[in-house]
Amino acid sequence: MKIILTHEVSGLGAAGDVVDVKDGYARNYLIPRKLAIRWTKGGEKDVEQIRRARKIHEIHTIEQANQVKAQLEGVKVRLAVRSGDAGRLFGSVTPADIASAIKASGGPEVDKRRIELGSPIKTLGAHETSVRLHTEVAATVNIEVVAA
């Protein structure tokens, strides 16, 4: 199935790209989560609009990405969440929580869709996450999850 990506998807492409994927992946994952739309001839107009919006929000050069990476890696991020007695969280830490904690800690504003969690954060303690700043640059952010 041919689709147009509306958001960046790891391993597949960036917003505005037209890609071929298996039908089930498109129908059951990408389209319901609003990560993609079906490709049509009329949809080609949407591609240009998506690409223009992406250019406004993305980091344009590798130098800019490296500067933001240095800022992110220099920030101490503490995230206070509710937890039980054994150190297990009520729920999990989301990329949106991490993005707001980075901003509150004095770091640069980060789009929550660029934060990659290897596995859900469900315990207190120190955790690492990756932030894709550019196609060639990713920053590692250390997060300390503490009880609220």
C-alpha atoms as a PDB file:
ATOM      1  CA  MET A   1       0.000   0.000   0.000  1.00  0.00           C
ATOM      2  CA  LYS A   2       1.260   3.454  -0.871  1.00  0.00           C
ATOM      3  CA  ILE A   3       0.933   5.993   1.973  1.00  0.00           C
ATOM      4  CA  ILE A   4       1.983   9.548   2.821  1.00  0.00           C
ATOM      5  CA  LEU A   5       3.650   9.931   6.219  1.00  0.00           C
ATOM      6  CA  THR A   6       2.273  12.792   8.297  1.00  0.00           C
ATOM      7  CA  HIS A   7       4.791  12.328  11.142  1.00  0.00           C
ATOM      8  CA  GLU A   8       8.307  10.956  11.325  1.00  0.00           C
ATOM      9  CA  VAL A   9       8.387   7.170  11.819  1.00  0.00           C
ATOM     10  CA  SER A  10      11.655   5.518  12.867  1.00  0.00           C
ATOM     11  CA  GLY A  11      13.010   3.217  10.195  1.00  0.00           C
ATOM     12  CA  LEU A  12      10.411   4.274   7.642  1.00  0.00           C
ATOM     13  CA  GLY A  13      10.742   7.961   6.792  1.00  0.00           C
ATOM     14  CA  ALA A  14      10.028  11.558   7.638  1.00  0.00           C
ATOM     15  CA  ALA A  15       6.835  13.574   7.394  1.00  0.00           C
ATOM     16  CA  GLY A  16       5.840  14.181   3.784  1.00  0.00           C
ATOM     17  CA  ASP A  17       7.534  11.063   2.408  1.00  0.00           C
ATOM     18  CA  VAL A  18       5.560   8.736   0.148  1.00  0.00           C
ATOM     19  CA  VAL A  19       6.400   5.115   1.010  1.00  0.00           C
ATOM     20  CA  ASP A  20       5.189   1.613   0.234  1.00  0.00           C
ATOM     21  CA  VAL A  21       4.345  -0.552   3.251  1.00  0.00           C
ATOM     22  CA  LYS A  22       2.420  -3.751   3.830  1.00  0.00           C
ATOM     23  CA  ASP A  23      -1.333  -3.316   3.911  1.00  0.00           C
ATOM     24  CA  GLY A  24      -1.766  -4.515   7.495  1.00  0.00           C
ATOM     25  CA  TYR A  25       0.943  -2.203   8.844  1.00  0.00           C
ATOM     26  CA  ALA A  26      -0.748   0.769   7.208  1.00  0.00           C
ATOM     27  CA  ARG A  27      -4.342  -0.172   8.114  1.00  0.00           C
ATOM     28  CA  ASN A  28      -3.720  -1.376  11.655  1.00  0.00           C
ATOM     29  CA  TYR A  29      -0.898   0.847  12.895  1.00  0.00           C
ATOM     30  CA  LEU A  30       0.036   3.905  10.846  1.00  0.00           C
ATOM     31  CA  ILE A  31      -3.362   5.221   9.731  1.00  0.00           C
ATOM     32  CA  PRO A  32      -5.265   4.750  13.049  1.00  0.00           C
ATOM     33  CA  ARG A  33      -2.481   6.529  14.950  1.00  0.00           C
ATOM     34  CA  LYS A  34      -2.567   9.422  12.463  1.00  0.00           C
ATOM     35  CA  LEU A  35       1.061   8.795  11.463  1.00  0.00           C
ATOM     36  CA  ALA A  36       0.090   8.409   7.799  1.00  0.00           C
ATOM     37  CA  ILE A  37      -2.701   8.917   5.279  1.00  0.00           C
ATOM     38  CA  ARG A  38      -3.552   6.908   2.171  1.00  0.00           C
ATOM     39  CA  TRP A  39      -1.862   8.064  -1.007  1.00  0.00           C
ATOM     40  CA  THR A  40      -4.151   9.561  -3.649  1.00  0.00           C
ATOM     41  CA  LYS A  41      -3.556  11.809  -6.597  1.00  0.00           C
ATOM     42  CA  GLY A  42      -5.203  14.631  -4.647  1.00  0.00           C
ATOM     43  CA  GLY A  43      -3.015  13.786  -1.672  1.00  0.00           C
ATOM     44  CA  GLU A  44       0.056  14.988  -3.551  1.00  0.00           C
ATOM     45  CA  LYS A  45      -0.993  18.545  -2.648  1.00  0.00           C
ATOM     46  CA  ASP A  46      -0.892  17.545   1.010  1.00  0.00           C
ATOM     47  CA  VAL A  47       2.681  16.301   0.596  1.00  0.00           C
ATOM     48  CA  GLU A  48       3.973  19.781  -0.228  1.00  0.00           C
ATOM     49  CA  GLN A  49       2.084  21.309   2.697  1.00  0.00           C
ATOM     50  CA  ILE A  50       3.481  18.677   5.088  1.00  0.00           C
ATOM     51  CA  ARG A  51       7.013  19.232   3.794  1.00  0.00           C
ATOM     52  CA  ARG A  52       6.731  23.006   4.239  1.00  0.00           C
ATOM     53  CA  ALA A  53       5.533  22.563   7.826  1.00  0.00           C
ATOM     54  CA  ARG A  54       8.373  20.090   8.485  1.00  0.00           C
ATOM     55  CA  LYS A  55      10.985  22.560   7.225  1.00  0.00           C
ATOM     56  CA  ILE A  56       9.729  25.205   9.647  1.00  0.00           C
ATOM     57  CA  HIS A  57       9.997  22.920  12.686  1.00  0.00           C
ATOM     58  CA  GLU A  58      13.087  20.873  11.924  1.00  0.00           C
ATOM     59  CA  ILE A  59      16.688  21.633  12.715  1.00  0.00           C
ATOM     60  CA  HIS A  60      18.241  22.576   9.390  1.00  0.00           C
ATOM     61  CA  THR A  61      21.939  21.899   9.789  1.00  0.00           C
ATOM     62  CA  ILE A  62      24.116  19.409  11.569  1.00  0.00           C
ATOM     63  CA  GLU A  63      25.836  22.268  13.388  1.00  0.00           C
ATOM     64  CA  GLN A  64      22.514  23.377  14.901  1.00  0.00           C
ATOM     65  CA  ALA A  65      21.755  19.781  15.849  1.00  0.00           C
ATOM     66  CA  ASN A  66      25.136  19.420  17.559  1.00  0.00           C
ATOM     67  CA  GLN A  67      24.536  22.630  19.542  1.00  0.00           C
ATOM     68  CA  VAL A  68      21.144  21.372  20.740  1.00  0.00           C
ATOM     69  CA  LYS A  69      22.733  17.985  21.511  1.00  0.00           C
ATOM     70  CA  ALA A  70      25.330  19.662  23.737  1.00  0.00           C
ATOM     71  CA  GLN A  71      22.580  21.572  25.557  1.00  0.00           C
ATOM     72  CA  LEU A  72      20.492  18.422  26.061  1.00  0.00           C
ATOM     73  CA  GLU A  73      23.370  16.323  27.331  1.00  0.00           C
ATOM     74  CA  GLY A  74      24.355  19.061  29.798  1.00  0.00           C
ATOM     75  CA  VAL A  75      20.915  19.286  31.420  1.00  0.00           C
ATOM     76  CA  LYS A  76      20.078  17.373  34.613  1.00  0.00           C
ATOM     77  CA  VAL A  77      16.493  16.216  34.176  1.00  0.00           C
ATOM     78  CA  ARG A  78      14.489  15.249  37.266  1.00  0.00           C
ATOM     79  CA  LEU A  79      10.973  13.972  36.836  1.00  0.00           C
ATOM     80  CA  ALA A  80       8.733  13.653  39.903  1.00  0.00           C
ATOM     81  CA  VAL A  81       5.973  11.056  39.497  1.00  0.00           C
ATOM     82  CA  ARG A  82       3.599   9.148  41.740  1.00  0.00           C
ATOM     83  CA  SER A  83       4.838   5.718  42.744  1.00  0.00           C
ATOM     84  CA  GLY A  84       4.055   2.818  45.048  1.00  0.00           C
ATOM     85  CA  ASP A  85       6.058   1.549  47.998  1.00  0.00           C
ATOM     86  CA  ALA A  86       8.229  -0.811  45.934  1.00  0.00           C
ATOM     87  CA  GLY A  87       9.349   1.935  43.545  1.00  0.00           C
ATOM     88  CA  ARG A  88       6.931   1.006  40.762  1.00  0.00           C
ATOM     89  CA  LEU A  89       5.136   3.898  39.069  1.00  0.00           C
ATOM     90  CA  PHE A  90       1.395   4.304  38.731  1.00  0.00           C
ATOM     91  CA  GLY A  91       1.419   4.133  34.933  1.00  0.00           C
ATOM     92  CA  SER A  92       4.568   5.010  33.002  1.00  0.00           C
ATOM     93  CA  VAL A  93       6.599   8.006  31.922  1.00  0.00           C
ATOM     94  CA  THR A  94       5.578   9.248  28.461  1.00  0.00           C
ATOM     95  CA  PRO A  95       7.605  11.169  25.890  1.00  0.00           C
ATOM     96  CA  ALA A  96       5.402  14.210  26.591  1.00  0.00           C
ATOM     97  CA  ASP A  97       6.371  14.028  30.292  1.00  0.00           C
ATOM     98  CA  ILE A  98      10.040  13.877  29.332  1.00  0.00           C
ATOM     99  CA  ALA A  99       9.732  16.829  26.920  1.00  0.00           C
ATOM    100  CA  SER A 100       8.097  19.009  29.580  1.00  0.00           C
ATOM    101  CA  ALA A 101      10.706  17.948  32.182  1.00  0.00           C
ATOM    102  CA  ILE A 102      13.538  18.902  29.816  1.00  0.00           C
ATOM    103  CA  LYS A 103      11.961  22.319  29.266  1.00  0.00           C
ATOM    104  CA  ALA A 104      11.395  22.785  33.019  1.00  0.00           C
ATOM    105  CA  SER A 105      15.038  21.865  33.731  1.00  0.00           C
ATOM    106  CA  GLY A 106      16.260  24.708  31.546  1.00  0.00           C
ATOM    107  CA  GLY A 107      16.918  22.703  28.409  1.00  0.00           C
ATOM    108  CA  PRO A 108      15.797  23.465  24.860  1.00  0.00           C
ATOM    109  CA  GLU A 109      12.251  22.770  23.720  1.00  0.00           C
ATOM    110  CA  VAL A 110      12.050  19.253  22.295  1.00  0.00           C
ATOM    111  CA  ASP A 111       9.250  17.775  20.205  1.00  0.00           C
ATOM    112  CA  LYS A 112       7.795  14.772  22.015  1.00  0.00           C
ATOM    113  CA  ARG A 113       7.693  12.791  18.757  1.00  0.00           C
ATOM    114  CA  ARG A 114      11.497  12.931  18.560  1.00  0.00           C
ATOM    115  CA  ILE A 115      11.980  11.237  21.931  1.00  0.00           C
ATOM    116  CA  GLU A 116      12.613   7.505  21.622  1.00  0.00           C
ATOM    117  CA  LEU A 117      12.043   5.241  24.602  1.00  0.00           C
ATOM    118  CA  GLY A 118      13.596   1.792  24.283  1.00  0.00           C
ATOM    119  CA  SER A 119      11.147   0.349  26.790  1.00  0.00           C
ATOM    120  CA  PRO A 120       8.504   2.000  28.966  1.00  0.00           C
ATOM    121  CA  ILE A 121       9.820   3.702  32.102  1.00  0.00           C
ATOM    122  CA  LYS A 122       7.874   2.178  34.999  1.00  0.00           C
ATOM    123  CA  THR A 123      10.340   2.348  37.900  1.00  0.00           C
ATOM    124  CA  LEU A 124      12.086   5.006  39.939  1.00  0.00           C
ATOM    125  CA  GLY A 125      15.777   5.688  39.332  1.00  0.00           C
ATOM    126  CA  ALA A 126      18.081   6.766  36.518  1.00  0.00           C
ATOM    127  CA  HIS A 127      17.062   6.103  32.913  1.00  0.00           C
ATOM    128  CA  GLU A 128      18.455   7.022  29.485  1.00  0.00           C
ATOM    129  CA  THR A 129      16.453   8.115  26.471  1.00  0.00           C
ATOM    130  CA  SER A 130      17.433   9.107  22.978  1.00  0.00           C
ATOM    131  CA  VAL A 131      16.309  12.261  21.174  1.00  0.00           C
ATOM    132  CA  ARG A 132      16.566  12.332  17.355  1.00  0.00           C
ATOM    133  CA  LEU A 133      17.550  15.877  16.471  1.00  0.00           C
ATOM    134  CA  HIS A 134      18.594  15.323  12.867  1.00  0.00           C
ATOM    135  CA  THR A 135      18.862  12.309  10.603  1.00  0.00           C
ATOM    136  CA  GLU A 136      22.527  11.986  11.589  1.00  0.00           C
ATOM    137  CA  VAL A 137      22.486  13.376  15.154  1.00  0.00           C
ATOM    138  CA  ALA A 138      20.886  11.874  18.254  1.00  0.00           C
ATOM    139  CA  ALA A 139      21.336  13.043  21.831  1.00  0.00           C
ATOM    140  CA  THR A 140      21.266  10.859  24.923  1.00  0.00           C
ATOM    141  CA  VAL A 141      19.386  12.380  27.835  1.00  0.00           C
ATOM    142  CA  ASN A 142      19.769  11.062  31.386  1.00  0.00           C
ATOM    143  CA  ILE A 143      16.553  11.239  33.379  1.00  0.00           C
ATOM    144  CA  GLU A 144      16.213  10.729  37.100  1.00  0.00           C
ATOM    145  CA  VAL A 145      12.720   9.577  38.020  1.00  0.00           C
ATOM    146  CA  VAL A 146      11.902  10.389  41.651  1.00  0.00           C
ATOM    147  CA  ALA A 147       8.836   9.898  43.825  1.00  0.00           C
ATOM    148  CA  ALA A 148       6.513  12.869  44.106  1.00  0.00           C
END
